[in-house]
C-alpha cells in the first residue's frame, strides 16, 4: 500500500480485499524493514515498533474487526488475519489494517473467496482527518467511475464508493475507517455497511 501526501491514485488490492491510496502514510502487508526511515520528511513511512496490542481500540483494525466478526459478516470460517501497523516518523499519523479471507480449495476461483477488511487511518488532528476524508470523497468518482453515495447514521460522515472501488468510508473524530467486503453474491455495499456499523458500535 502506498499512501501519498498530495494525490490519490487508483486503489489496488490489499491482502485480497483492497489496497487504499491514502494521504500522508504508506504501509505494506509484509514490511521491508524493521527500523525507522531516517530523514527530514516527517511523513516518511516507518514500520511501527509499537506492539499492536498497545494501540487504542479505536485505532486498531484487528481489535475493531475480530475473527468472529468477519465470520459473521461472511457467513463462514475465515483464516487468521493479515495485519499491519505503520506510522509516520513524527508518530502523529498511524495506519492499522486487518484483512480476513475465507479458506478455499486450490482449484477455487479467487473471486469466489469471501474477504473482509478494515483500514484505520488516524490523522494528526480531527481537522486533518476531515480534510483528507473530504478530498478522498471529491476524487472518488474519478477513481471508481461512479459518484459516491453519502450514507447517514454512521460515524460523523460516511459514503460508499462503488464501481471499481467498492468500499465503505467512514469519518469518526480524528480517524478515517475504510471497510471492504467481497462476497460471491456481489452484495458488498450492504455487507460493508453492516461491518461499518459493527465497528462504530465499538468506538466510544
N, C-alpha and C. Protein backbone atom coordinates (compact mmCIF):
# COMPACT_ATOMS: atom_id res chain seq x y z
N UNK A 1 0.84 -1.18 0.00
CA UNK A 1 0.00 0.00 0.00
C UNK A 1 0.88 1.23 0.00
N UNK A 2 0.61 2.16 -0.89
CA UNK A 2 1.37 3.39 -0.95
C UNK A 2 0.43 4.55 -0.67
N UNK A 3 0.79 5.38 0.25
CA UNK A 3 -0.05 6.49 0.62
C UNK A 3 0.68 7.79 0.32
N UNK A 4 0.03 8.69 -0.39
CA UNK A 4 0.67 9.91 -0.84
C UNK A 4 0.12 11.12 -0.11
N UNK A 5 0.95 12.16 -0.02
CA UNK A 5 0.55 13.38 0.68
C UNK A 5 -0.39 14.24 -0.14
N UNK A 6 -0.18 14.33 -1.42
CA UNK A 6 -0.90 15.33 -2.20
C UNK A 6 -1.78 14.78 -3.29
N UNK A 7 -1.74 13.50 -3.55
CA UNK A 7 -2.57 12.97 -4.63
C UNK A 7 -3.09 11.60 -4.28
N UNK A 8 -4.18 11.22 -4.90
CA UNK A 8 -4.74 9.90 -4.69
C UNK A 8 -4.81 9.20 -6.03
N UNK A 9 -4.17 8.04 -6.12
CA UNK A 9 -4.17 7.30 -7.37
C UNK A 9 -5.13 6.13 -7.27
N UNK A 10 -5.12 5.31 -8.28
CA UNK A 10 -6.03 4.15 -8.36
C UNK A 10 -5.85 3.25 -7.15
N UNK A 11 -6.93 2.82 -6.53
CA UNK A 11 -6.86 1.90 -5.41
C UNK A 11 -6.53 0.51 -5.96
N UNK A 12 -5.60 -0.19 -5.29
CA UNK A 12 -5.14 -1.50 -5.71
C UNK A 12 -5.47 -2.54 -4.66
N UNK A 13 -5.39 -3.86 -4.97
CA UNK A 13 -5.74 -4.89 -3.99
C UNK A 13 -4.91 -4.82 -2.72
N UNK A 14 -5.55 -4.97 -1.58
CA UNK A 14 -4.86 -5.03 -0.29
C UNK A 14 -5.24 -6.36 0.36
N UNK A 15 -4.27 -7.25 0.45
CA UNK A 15 -4.49 -8.53 1.13
C UNK A 15 -5.78 -9.17 0.68
N UNK A 16 -6.00 -9.21 -0.61
CA UNK A 16 -7.16 -9.86 -1.24
C UNK A 16 -8.45 -9.10 -1.07
N UNK A 17 -8.41 -7.94 -0.45
CA UNK A 17 -9.63 -7.14 -0.33
C UNK A 17 -9.49 -5.85 -1.09
N UNK A 18 -8.68 -4.90 -0.57
CA UNK A 18 -8.44 -3.65 -1.30
C UNK A 18 -7.26 -2.96 -0.69
N UNK A 19 -6.41 -2.42 -1.50
CA UNK A 19 -5.33 -1.57 -1.02
C UNK A 19 -5.74 -0.15 -1.29
N UNK A 20 -5.49 0.70 -0.30
CA UNK A 20 -6.04 2.04 -0.35
C UNK A 20 -4.95 3.07 -0.46
N UNK A 21 -5.05 3.93 -1.46
CA UNK A 21 -4.11 5.02 -1.62
C UNK A 21 -4.63 6.19 -0.81
N UNK A 22 -3.95 6.47 0.32
CA UNK A 22 -4.45 7.44 1.28
C UNK A 22 -3.39 8.49 1.52
N UNK A 23 -3.81 9.67 1.90
CA UNK A 23 -2.89 10.77 2.10
C UNK A 23 -2.06 10.57 3.36
N UNK A 24 -0.74 10.81 3.27
CA UNK A 24 0.10 11.02 4.43
C UNK A 24 0.89 9.85 4.93
N UNK A 25 0.67 8.59 4.49
CA UNK A 25 1.38 7.48 5.10
C UNK A 25 1.34 6.26 4.23
N UNK A 26 2.39 5.48 4.21
CA UNK A 26 2.42 4.23 3.46
C UNK A 26 2.66 3.06 4.38
N UNK A 27 2.07 1.91 4.08
CA UNK A 27 2.35 0.69 4.85
C UNK A 27 2.19 -0.50 3.94
N UNK A 28 2.85 -1.61 4.29
CA UNK A 28 2.81 -2.81 3.47
C UNK A 28 2.39 -3.99 4.31
N UNK A 29 1.78 -4.99 3.68
CA UNK A 29 1.39 -6.20 4.40
C UNK A 29 2.61 -6.92 4.95
N UNK A 30 3.70 -6.96 4.20
CA UNK A 30 4.94 -7.55 4.67
C UNK A 30 6.00 -6.47 4.70
N UNK A 31 6.35 -5.96 5.89
CA UNK A 31 7.28 -4.84 5.97
C UNK A 31 8.63 -5.19 5.36
N UNK A 32 9.23 -4.24 4.64
CA UNK A 32 10.52 -4.45 4.03
C UNK A 32 11.64 -4.18 5.02
N UNK A 33 11.35 -3.48 6.10
CA UNK A 33 12.37 -3.17 7.09
C UNK A 33 11.73 -3.07 8.45
N UNK A 34 12.54 -3.18 9.50
CA UNK A 34 12.00 -3.11 10.85
C UNK A 34 12.55 -1.92 11.62
N UNK A 35 13.27 -1.04 10.94
CA UNK A 35 13.81 0.15 11.59
C UNK A 35 13.24 1.39 10.93
N UNK A 36 13.15 2.50 11.67
CA UNK A 36 12.59 3.71 11.10
C UNK A 36 13.38 4.20 9.90
N UNK A 37 12.68 4.88 9.00
CA UNK A 37 13.32 5.56 7.88
C UNK A 37 13.76 6.92 8.39
N UNK A 38 15.04 7.22 8.30
CA UNK A 38 15.53 8.49 8.82
C UNK A 38 15.47 9.56 7.74
N UNK A 39 15.54 10.80 8.15
CA UNK A 39 15.49 11.90 7.19
C UNK A 39 14.68 13.05 7.75
N UNK A 40 14.53 14.08 6.96
CA UNK A 40 13.86 15.29 7.43
C UNK A 40 12.37 15.29 7.13
N UNK A 41 11.90 14.34 6.31
CA UNK A 41 10.49 14.31 5.95
C UNK A 41 9.67 13.68 7.08
N UNK A 42 8.84 14.46 7.77
CA UNK A 42 8.10 13.91 8.91
C UNK A 42 7.04 12.90 8.51
N UNK A 43 6.71 12.80 7.22
CA UNK A 43 5.70 11.83 6.80
C UNK A 43 6.32 10.60 6.16
N UNK A 44 7.64 10.45 6.24
CA UNK A 44 8.27 9.25 5.71
C UNK A 44 7.75 8.04 6.47
N UNK A 45 7.31 6.99 5.76
CA UNK A 45 6.73 5.84 6.43
C UNK A 45 7.75 5.00 7.16
N UNK A 46 7.35 4.48 8.31
CA UNK A 46 8.18 3.52 9.02
C UNK A 46 7.29 2.38 9.47
N UNK A 47 7.92 1.29 9.83
CA UNK A 47 7.18 0.20 10.44
C UNK A 47 7.20 0.43 11.94
N UNK A 48 6.05 0.53 12.53
CA UNK A 48 5.96 0.87 13.93
C UNK A 48 6.60 -0.20 14.79
N UNK A 49 7.38 0.24 15.81
CA UNK A 49 7.93 -0.73 16.76
C UNK A 49 7.02 -0.84 17.99
N UNK A 50 5.88 -0.18 17.91
CA UNK A 50 4.91 -0.27 19.00
C UNK A 50 4.12 -1.56 18.88
N UNK A 51 4.07 -2.38 19.95
CA UNK A 51 3.26 -3.60 19.86
C UNK A 51 1.83 -3.27 19.47
N UNK A 52 1.26 -4.07 18.58
CA UNK A 52 -0.07 -3.76 18.06
C UNK A 52 -1.12 -3.71 19.16
N UNK A 53 -0.93 -4.55 20.21
CA UNK A 53 -1.95 -4.58 21.24
C UNK A 53 -1.91 -3.37 22.16
N UNK A 54 -0.96 -2.44 21.93
CA UNK A 54 -0.92 -1.22 22.70
C UNK A 54 -1.61 -0.06 22.00
N UNK A 55 -2.07 -0.28 20.77
CA UNK A 55 -2.85 0.74 20.10
C UNK A 55 -4.18 0.91 20.81
N UNK A 56 -4.68 2.13 20.83
CA UNK A 56 -6.02 2.32 21.37
C UNK A 56 -7.02 1.54 20.52
N UNK A 57 -8.05 1.05 21.16
CA UNK A 57 -9.05 0.23 20.47
C UNK A 57 -9.55 0.90 19.20
N UNK A 58 -9.85 2.20 19.26
CA UNK A 58 -10.47 2.86 18.12
C UNK A 58 -9.54 3.02 16.93
N UNK A 59 -8.24 2.72 17.11
CA UNK A 59 -7.29 2.82 16.00
C UNK A 59 -6.73 1.46 15.58
N UNK A 60 -7.14 0.41 16.24
CA UNK A 60 -6.59 -0.93 15.99
C UNK A 60 -7.58 -1.74 15.16
N UNK A 61 -7.28 -1.92 13.89
CA UNK A 61 -8.22 -2.59 12.97
C UNK A 61 -8.59 -3.99 13.41
N UNK A 62 -7.62 -4.75 13.95
CA UNK A 62 -7.92 -6.13 14.31
C UNK A 62 -8.65 -6.25 15.65
N UNK A 63 -8.63 -5.19 16.46
CA UNK A 63 -9.50 -5.18 17.64
C UNK A 63 -10.92 -4.79 17.23
N UNK A 64 -11.01 -3.90 16.26
CA UNK A 64 -12.33 -3.43 15.84
C UNK A 64 -13.06 -4.46 14.99
N UNK A 65 -12.33 -5.29 14.25
CA UNK A 65 -12.93 -6.38 13.48
C UNK A 65 -12.24 -7.67 13.89
N UNK A 66 -12.90 -8.44 14.71
CA UNK A 66 -12.34 -9.71 15.17
C UNK A 66 -12.59 -10.81 14.15
N UNK A 67 -11.97 -11.94 14.39
CA UNK A 67 -12.19 -13.10 13.51
C UNK A 67 -13.66 -13.50 13.53
N UNK A 68 -14.26 -13.46 14.72
CA UNK A 68 -15.68 -13.80 14.84
C UNK A 68 -16.56 -12.82 14.07
N UNK A 69 -16.19 -11.55 14.10
CA UNK A 69 -16.94 -10.54 13.34
C UNK A 69 -16.88 -10.84 11.85
N UNK A 70 -15.69 -11.14 11.35
CA UNK A 70 -15.52 -11.43 9.93
C UNK A 70 -16.31 -12.67 9.53
N UNK A 71 -16.31 -13.67 10.38
CA UNK A 71 -17.06 -14.90 10.08
C UNK A 71 -18.56 -14.63 10.05
N UNK A 72 -19.00 -13.74 10.93
CA UNK A 72 -20.42 -13.39 10.94
C UNK A 72 -20.80 -12.64 9.66
N UNK A 73 -19.96 -11.71 9.24
CA UNK A 73 -20.23 -10.93 8.03
C UNK A 73 -20.20 -11.80 6.78
N UNK A 74 -19.22 -12.71 6.73
CA UNK A 74 -19.04 -13.54 5.53
C UNK A 74 -19.84 -14.83 5.57
N UNK A 75 -20.36 -15.17 6.75
CA UNK A 75 -21.18 -16.38 6.85
C UNK A 75 -20.40 -17.68 6.73
N UNK A 76 -19.17 -17.69 7.22
CA UNK A 76 -18.37 -18.91 7.16
C UNK A 76 -17.01 -18.70 7.81
N UNK A 77 -16.25 -19.76 7.89
CA UNK A 77 -14.93 -19.73 8.52
C UNK A 77 -13.96 -18.83 7.76
N UNK A 78 -13.11 -18.12 8.51
CA UNK A 78 -12.05 -17.33 7.89
C UNK A 78 -10.71 -17.72 8.48
N UNK A 79 -9.66 -17.43 7.74
CA UNK A 79 -8.30 -17.70 8.21
C UNK A 79 -7.87 -16.58 9.16
N UNK A 80 -6.75 -16.80 9.84
CA UNK A 80 -6.20 -15.74 10.70
C UNK A 80 -5.91 -14.51 9.84
N UNK A 81 -6.00 -13.33 10.43
CA UNK A 81 -5.91 -12.11 9.61
C UNK A 81 -4.50 -11.78 9.16
N UNK A 82 -4.43 -11.05 8.05
CA UNK A 82 -3.22 -10.33 7.66
C UNK A 82 -3.35 -8.96 8.30
N UNK A 83 -2.34 -8.54 9.03
CA UNK A 83 -2.45 -7.28 9.75
C UNK A 83 -1.14 -6.52 9.71
N UNK A 84 -1.22 -5.21 9.89
CA UNK A 84 -0.02 -4.39 9.88
C UNK A 84 -0.32 -3.06 10.55
N UNK A 85 0.71 -2.48 11.13
CA UNK A 85 0.62 -1.14 11.69
C UNK A 85 1.83 -0.36 11.22
N UNK A 86 1.61 0.85 10.69
CA UNK A 86 2.70 1.73 10.30
C UNK A 86 2.39 3.13 10.79
N UNK A 87 3.43 3.94 10.90
CA UNK A 87 3.21 5.31 11.33
C UNK A 87 4.24 6.22 10.70
N UNK A 88 3.95 7.52 10.70
CA UNK A 88 4.91 8.49 10.21
C UNK A 88 6.03 8.67 11.22
N UNK A 89 7.14 9.21 10.76
CA UNK A 89 8.31 9.35 11.62
C UNK A 89 8.03 10.21 12.84
N UNK A 90 7.11 11.17 12.70
CA UNK A 90 6.79 12.01 13.85
C UNK A 90 5.75 11.37 14.77
N UNK A 91 5.24 10.20 14.39
CA UNK A 91 4.31 9.46 15.23
C UNK A 91 2.91 10.00 15.28
N UNK A 92 2.61 11.06 14.49
CA UNK A 92 1.29 11.69 14.57
C UNK A 92 0.23 10.99 13.72
N UNK A 93 0.65 10.28 12.69
CA UNK A 93 -0.29 9.60 11.81
C UNK A 93 -0.01 8.11 11.84
N UNK A 94 -1.05 7.33 12.07
CA UNK A 94 -0.90 5.88 12.16
C UNK A 94 -1.91 5.20 11.25
N UNK A 95 -1.47 4.16 10.58
CA UNK A 95 -2.37 3.33 9.79
C UNK A 95 -2.32 1.91 10.32
N UNK A 96 -3.48 1.36 10.58
CA UNK A 96 -3.62 -0.03 11.01
C UNK A 96 -4.56 -0.72 10.04
N UNK A 97 -4.15 -1.88 9.53
CA UNK A 97 -5.07 -2.61 8.65
C UNK A 97 -5.15 -4.07 9.04
N UNK A 98 -6.29 -4.66 8.74
CA UNK A 98 -6.58 -6.03 9.14
C UNK A 98 -7.51 -6.64 8.09
N UNK A 99 -7.12 -7.78 7.52
CA UNK A 99 -7.90 -8.41 6.47
C UNK A 99 -8.07 -9.90 6.73
N UNK A 100 -9.31 -10.35 6.61
CA UNK A 100 -9.64 -11.77 6.77
C UNK A 100 -10.11 -12.33 5.43
N UNK A 101 -9.76 -13.57 5.16
CA UNK A 101 -10.26 -14.22 3.95
C UNK A 101 -10.69 -15.64 4.27
N UNK A 102 -11.64 -16.11 3.53
CA UNK A 102 -12.12 -17.48 3.73
C UNK A 102 -11.15 -18.47 3.08
N UNK A 103 -10.99 -19.63 3.67
CA UNK A 103 -10.15 -20.65 3.04
C UNK A 103 -10.82 -21.15 1.78
N UNK A 104 -10.01 -21.63 0.84
CA UNK A 104 -10.57 -22.13 -0.42
C UNK A 104 -9.70 -23.25 -0.96
N UNK A 105 -10.31 -24.12 -1.71
CA UNK A 105 -9.58 -25.20 -2.37
C UNK A 105 -8.65 -24.60 -3.41
N UNK A 106 -7.58 -25.32 -3.74
CA UNK A 106 -6.60 -24.83 -4.70
C UNK A 106 -7.23 -24.52 -6.06
N UNK A 107 -8.30 -25.21 -6.38
CA UNK A 107 -8.95 -25.02 -7.67
C UNK A 107 -9.97 -23.89 -7.68
N UNK A 108 -10.21 -23.29 -6.53
CA UNK A 108 -11.26 -22.27 -6.42
C UNK A 108 -10.88 -20.99 -7.15
N UNK A 109 -11.87 -20.38 -7.76
CA UNK A 109 -11.69 -19.07 -8.39
C UNK A 109 -11.54 -18.04 -7.27
N UNK A 110 -10.52 -17.19 -7.34
CA UNK A 110 -10.28 -16.20 -6.29
C UNK A 110 -11.48 -15.30 -6.07
N UNK A 111 -12.28 -15.07 -7.11
CA UNK A 111 -13.46 -14.21 -6.99
C UNK A 111 -14.55 -14.85 -6.13
N UNK A 112 -14.43 -16.14 -5.89
CA UNK A 112 -15.43 -16.82 -5.07
C UNK A 112 -15.05 -16.85 -3.60
N UNK A 113 -13.88 -16.32 -3.27
CA UNK A 113 -13.41 -16.32 -1.89
C UNK A 113 -13.85 -15.04 -1.19
N UNK A 114 -14.62 -15.19 -0.12
CA UNK A 114 -15.08 -14.02 0.62
C UNK A 114 -13.95 -13.40 1.43
N UNK A 115 -13.92 -12.08 1.50
CA UNK A 115 -12.92 -11.36 2.29
C UNK A 115 -13.57 -10.18 3.00
N UNK A 116 -13.00 -9.82 4.13
CA UNK A 116 -13.49 -8.67 4.90
C UNK A 116 -12.29 -7.97 5.51
N UNK A 117 -12.22 -6.66 5.33
CA UNK A 117 -11.06 -5.94 5.85
C UNK A 117 -11.40 -4.54 6.32
N UNK A 118 -10.54 -4.05 7.20
CA UNK A 118 -10.67 -2.69 7.72
C UNK A 118 -9.30 -2.03 7.73
N UNK A 119 -9.25 -0.80 7.27
CA UNK A 119 -8.05 0.02 7.41
C UNK A 119 -8.44 1.27 8.19
N UNK A 120 -7.66 1.58 9.22
CA UNK A 120 -7.91 2.76 10.05
C UNK A 120 -6.75 3.72 9.88
N UNK A 121 -7.04 4.93 9.42
CA UNK A 121 -6.02 5.96 9.31
C UNK A 121 -6.26 7.02 10.38
N UNK A 122 -5.43 7.03 11.41
CA UNK A 122 -5.51 8.06 12.45
C UNK A 122 -4.70 9.26 11.98
N UNK A 123 -5.35 10.41 11.94
CA UNK A 123 -4.69 11.63 11.49
C UNK A 123 -4.05 12.37 12.66
N UNK A 124 -3.24 13.37 12.33
CA UNK A 124 -2.60 14.18 13.37
C UNK A 124 -3.62 15.01 14.15
N UNK A 125 -4.77 15.29 13.52
CA UNK A 125 -5.80 16.08 14.18
C UNK A 125 -7.15 15.77 13.54
N UNK A 126 -8.21 16.18 14.21
CA UNK A 126 -9.54 15.98 13.66
C UNK A 126 -9.73 16.81 12.39
N UNK A 127 -9.16 18.01 12.36
CA UNK A 127 -9.27 18.86 11.18
C UNK A 127 -8.60 18.21 9.97
N UNK A 128 -7.43 17.61 10.19
CA UNK A 128 -6.73 16.95 9.09
C UNK A 128 -7.53 15.75 8.60
N UNK A 129 -8.07 14.97 9.53
CA UNK A 129 -8.87 13.79 9.15
C UNK A 129 -10.06 14.21 8.29
N UNK A 130 -10.71 15.29 8.70
CA UNK A 130 -11.87 15.79 7.96
C UNK A 130 -11.48 16.23 6.56
N UNK A 131 -10.32 16.90 6.42
CA UNK A 131 -9.87 17.37 5.12
C UNK A 131 -9.49 16.21 4.20
N UNK A 132 -8.76 15.24 4.75
CA UNK A 132 -8.37 14.06 3.97
C UNK A 132 -9.60 13.30 3.48
N UNK A 133 -10.57 13.16 4.37
CA UNK A 133 -11.81 12.46 4.03
C UNK A 133 -12.56 13.20 2.91
N UNK A 134 -12.66 14.51 3.05
CA UNK A 134 -13.36 15.32 2.04
C UNK A 134 -12.64 15.24 0.68
N UNK A 135 -11.32 15.29 0.70
CA UNK A 135 -10.55 15.19 -0.53
C UNK A 135 -10.77 13.84 -1.21
N UNK A 136 -10.78 12.79 -0.40
CA UNK A 136 -10.99 11.44 -0.96
C UNK A 136 -12.37 11.32 -1.59
N UNK A 137 -13.38 11.84 -0.92
CA UNK A 137 -14.73 11.76 -1.46
C UNK A 137 -14.84 12.56 -2.75
N UNK A 138 -14.17 13.70 -2.81
CA UNK A 138 -14.21 14.53 -4.01
C UNK A 138 -13.58 13.83 -5.21
N UNK A 139 -12.59 12.98 -4.95
CA UNK A 139 -11.90 12.27 -6.03
C UNK A 139 -12.47 10.89 -6.30
N UNK A 140 -13.42 10.48 -5.50
CA UNK A 140 -13.95 9.12 -5.59
C UNK A 140 -14.49 8.78 -6.98
N UNK A 141 -15.25 9.69 -7.57
CA UNK A 141 -15.85 9.40 -8.88
C UNK A 141 -14.79 9.18 -9.95
N UNK A 142 -13.71 9.97 -9.90
CA UNK A 142 -12.64 9.81 -10.88
C UNK A 142 -11.98 8.44 -10.78
N UNK A 143 -11.93 7.90 -9.57
CA UNK A 143 -11.28 6.61 -9.35
C UNK A 143 -12.19 5.44 -9.62
N UNK A 144 -13.47 5.59 -9.29
CA UNK A 144 -14.39 4.45 -9.36
C UNK A 144 -15.31 4.45 -10.56
N UNK A 145 -15.40 5.60 -11.24
CA UNK A 145 -16.29 5.78 -12.40
C UNK A 145 -17.75 5.97 -12.02
N UNK A 146 -18.06 5.98 -10.74
CA UNK A 146 -19.43 6.26 -10.29
C UNK A 146 -19.37 7.28 -9.15
N UNK A 147 -20.43 8.04 -9.00
CA UNK A 147 -20.47 9.05 -7.94
C UNK A 147 -20.58 8.37 -6.58
N UNK A 148 -19.90 8.93 -5.56
CA UNK A 148 -20.02 8.37 -4.22
C UNK A 148 -21.43 8.57 -3.68
N UNK A 149 -21.85 7.66 -2.82
CA UNK A 149 -23.18 7.73 -2.22
C UNK A 149 -23.04 8.03 -0.74
N UNK A 150 -23.58 9.17 -0.30
CA UNK A 150 -23.50 9.52 1.11
C UNK A 150 -24.36 8.57 1.93
N UNK A 151 -23.83 8.17 3.07
CA UNK A 151 -24.52 7.26 3.98
C UNK A 151 -24.77 7.99 5.29
N UNK A 152 -25.99 7.99 5.76
CA UNK A 152 -26.31 8.68 7.01
C UNK A 152 -26.35 7.69 8.18
N UNK A 153 -26.15 8.23 9.38
CA UNK A 153 -26.28 7.42 10.58
C UNK A 153 -25.08 6.56 10.92
N UNK A 154 -23.94 6.80 10.27
CA UNK A 154 -22.72 6.02 10.55
C UNK A 154 -21.57 6.99 10.75
N UNK A 155 -20.98 7.00 11.94
CA UNK A 155 -19.88 7.90 12.22
C UNK A 155 -20.29 9.36 12.11
N UNK A 156 -19.30 10.24 11.91
CA UNK A 156 -19.58 11.66 11.71
C UNK A 156 -20.03 11.92 10.28
N UNK A 157 -19.41 11.22 9.34
CA UNK A 157 -19.77 11.26 7.92
C UNK A 157 -19.44 9.90 7.33
N UNK A 158 -20.13 9.55 6.26
CA UNK A 158 -19.82 8.27 5.61
C UNK A 158 -20.28 8.31 4.16
N UNK A 159 -19.56 7.57 3.31
CA UNK A 159 -20.00 7.42 1.93
C UNK A 159 -19.55 6.07 1.39
N UNK A 160 -20.32 5.59 0.43
CA UNK A 160 -20.00 4.35 -0.26
C UNK A 160 -19.38 4.69 -1.60
N UNK A 161 -18.20 4.13 -1.89
CA UNK A 161 -17.54 4.27 -3.18
C UNK A 161 -17.73 2.96 -3.94
N UNK A 162 -18.62 2.98 -4.91
CA UNK A 162 -18.91 1.76 -5.66
C UNK A 162 -18.01 1.61 -6.86
N UNK A 163 -18.56 1.13 -7.95
CA UNK A 163 -17.78 0.97 -9.17
C UNK A 163 -16.59 0.06 -8.98
N UNK A 164 -15.41 0.56 -9.32
CA UNK A 164 -14.20 -0.25 -9.21
C UNK A 164 -13.58 -0.23 -7.82
N UNK A 165 -14.15 0.57 -6.90
CA UNK A 165 -13.59 0.65 -5.55
C UNK A 165 -14.31 -0.26 -4.55
N UNK A 166 -15.62 -0.19 -4.51
CA UNK A 166 -16.46 -0.95 -3.57
C UNK A 166 -15.93 -0.92 -2.15
N UNK A 167 -15.98 0.26 -1.55
CA UNK A 167 -15.53 0.40 -0.17
C UNK A 167 -16.42 1.40 0.58
N UNK A 168 -16.62 1.11 1.85
CA UNK A 168 -17.35 2.00 2.73
C UNK A 168 -16.34 2.87 3.46
N UNK A 169 -16.54 4.18 3.41
CA UNK A 169 -15.63 5.13 4.04
C UNK A 169 -16.36 5.87 5.15
N UNK A 170 -15.78 5.85 6.34
CA UNK A 170 -16.43 6.46 7.50
C UNK A 170 -15.44 7.38 8.20
N UNK A 171 -15.86 8.59 8.50
CA UNK A 171 -15.07 9.53 9.29
C UNK A 171 -15.63 9.54 10.70
N UNK A 172 -14.73 9.39 11.67
CA UNK A 172 -15.14 9.44 13.07
C UNK A 172 -14.02 10.09 13.86
N UNK A 173 -14.26 11.31 14.34
CA UNK A 173 -13.23 12.02 15.10
C UNK A 173 -12.00 12.28 14.25
N UNK A 174 -10.84 11.81 14.72
CA UNK A 174 -9.59 12.05 14.00
C UNK A 174 -9.16 10.85 13.17
N UNK A 175 -10.10 9.97 12.84
CA UNK A 175 -9.74 8.77 12.08
C UNK A 175 -10.68 8.51 10.91
N UNK A 176 -10.13 7.94 9.88
CA UNK A 176 -10.85 7.53 8.67
C UNK A 176 -10.87 6.01 8.65
N UNK A 177 -12.05 5.43 8.59
CA UNK A 177 -12.25 3.98 8.62
C UNK A 177 -12.69 3.53 7.23
N UNK A 178 -11.94 2.62 6.65
CA UNK A 178 -12.20 2.15 5.29
C UNK A 178 -12.50 0.66 5.34
N UNK A 179 -13.72 0.31 4.99
CA UNK A 179 -14.20 -1.07 5.11
C UNK A 179 -14.42 -1.67 3.73
N UNK A 180 -13.86 -2.85 3.53
CA UNK A 180 -14.03 -3.57 2.28
C UNK A 180 -14.53 -4.97 2.56
N UNK A 181 -15.57 -5.36 1.86
CA UNK A 181 -16.10 -6.72 1.95
C UNK A 181 -16.30 -7.24 0.54
N UNK A 182 -15.82 -8.43 0.29
CA UNK A 182 -16.08 -9.07 -1.00
C UNK A 182 -16.82 -10.36 -0.74
N UNK A 183 -17.96 -10.51 -1.38
CA UNK A 183 -18.77 -11.72 -1.24
C UNK A 183 -19.18 -12.20 -2.62
N UNK A 184 -19.28 -13.51 -2.81
CA UNK A 184 -19.61 -14.06 -4.14
C UNK A 184 -20.90 -13.53 -4.74
N UNK A 185 -21.88 -13.19 -3.87
CA UNK A 185 -23.17 -12.73 -4.41
C UNK A 185 -23.17 -11.25 -4.78
N UNK A 186 -22.03 -10.59 -4.60
CA UNK A 186 -21.92 -9.20 -5.02
C UNK A 186 -22.65 -8.20 -4.14
N UNK A 187 -23.06 -8.60 -2.93
CA UNK A 187 -23.81 -7.71 -2.04
C UNK A 187 -22.85 -6.92 -1.15
N UNK A 188 -21.80 -6.37 -1.75
CA UNK A 188 -20.74 -5.74 -0.98
C UNK A 188 -21.20 -4.52 -0.18
N UNK A 189 -22.03 -3.68 -0.77
CA UNK A 189 -22.42 -2.46 -0.06
C UNK A 189 -23.17 -2.76 1.23
N UNK A 190 -24.13 -3.66 1.18
CA UNK A 190 -24.90 -4.00 2.38
C UNK A 190 -24.01 -4.62 3.45
N UNK A 191 -23.11 -5.51 3.02
CA UNK A 191 -22.23 -6.18 3.97
C UNK A 191 -21.21 -5.19 4.55
N UNK A 192 -20.69 -4.29 3.72
CA UNK A 192 -19.74 -3.29 4.21
C UNK A 192 -20.41 -2.34 5.19
N UNK A 193 -21.65 -1.98 4.93
CA UNK A 193 -22.40 -1.12 5.85
C UNK A 193 -22.64 -1.84 7.16
N UNK A 194 -22.96 -3.10 7.09
CA UNK A 194 -23.15 -3.90 8.31
C UNK A 194 -21.88 -3.92 9.14
N UNK A 195 -20.76 -4.12 8.48
CA UNK A 195 -19.48 -4.15 9.20
C UNK A 195 -19.12 -2.77 9.73
N UNK A 196 -19.41 -1.74 8.97
CA UNK A 196 -19.13 -0.36 9.43
C UNK A 196 -19.91 -0.04 10.70
N UNK A 197 -21.16 -0.44 10.75
CA UNK A 197 -21.97 -0.19 11.95
C UNK A 197 -21.44 -0.98 13.13
N UNK A 198 -20.97 -2.19 12.89
CA UNK A 198 -20.39 -3.00 13.96
C UNK A 198 -19.14 -2.31 14.50
N UNK A 199 -18.29 -1.80 13.61
CA UNK A 199 -17.07 -1.12 14.02
C UNK A 199 -17.39 0.14 14.82
N UNK A 200 -18.30 0.95 14.33
CA UNK A 200 -18.65 2.19 15.01
C UNK A 200 -19.26 1.91 16.39
N UNK A 201 -19.94 0.78 16.50
CA UNK A 201 -20.53 0.41 17.79
C UNK A 201 -19.50 0.10 18.86
N UNK A 202 -18.26 -0.16 18.46
CA UNK A 202 -17.19 -0.48 19.42
C UNK A 202 -16.41 0.76 19.84
N UNK A 203 -16.66 1.87 19.17
CA UNK A 203 -15.90 3.10 19.45
C UNK A 203 -16.72 4.02 20.35
N UNK A 204 -16.13 4.42 21.44
CA UNK A 204 -16.81 5.28 22.39
C UNK A 204 -16.70 6.74 21.98
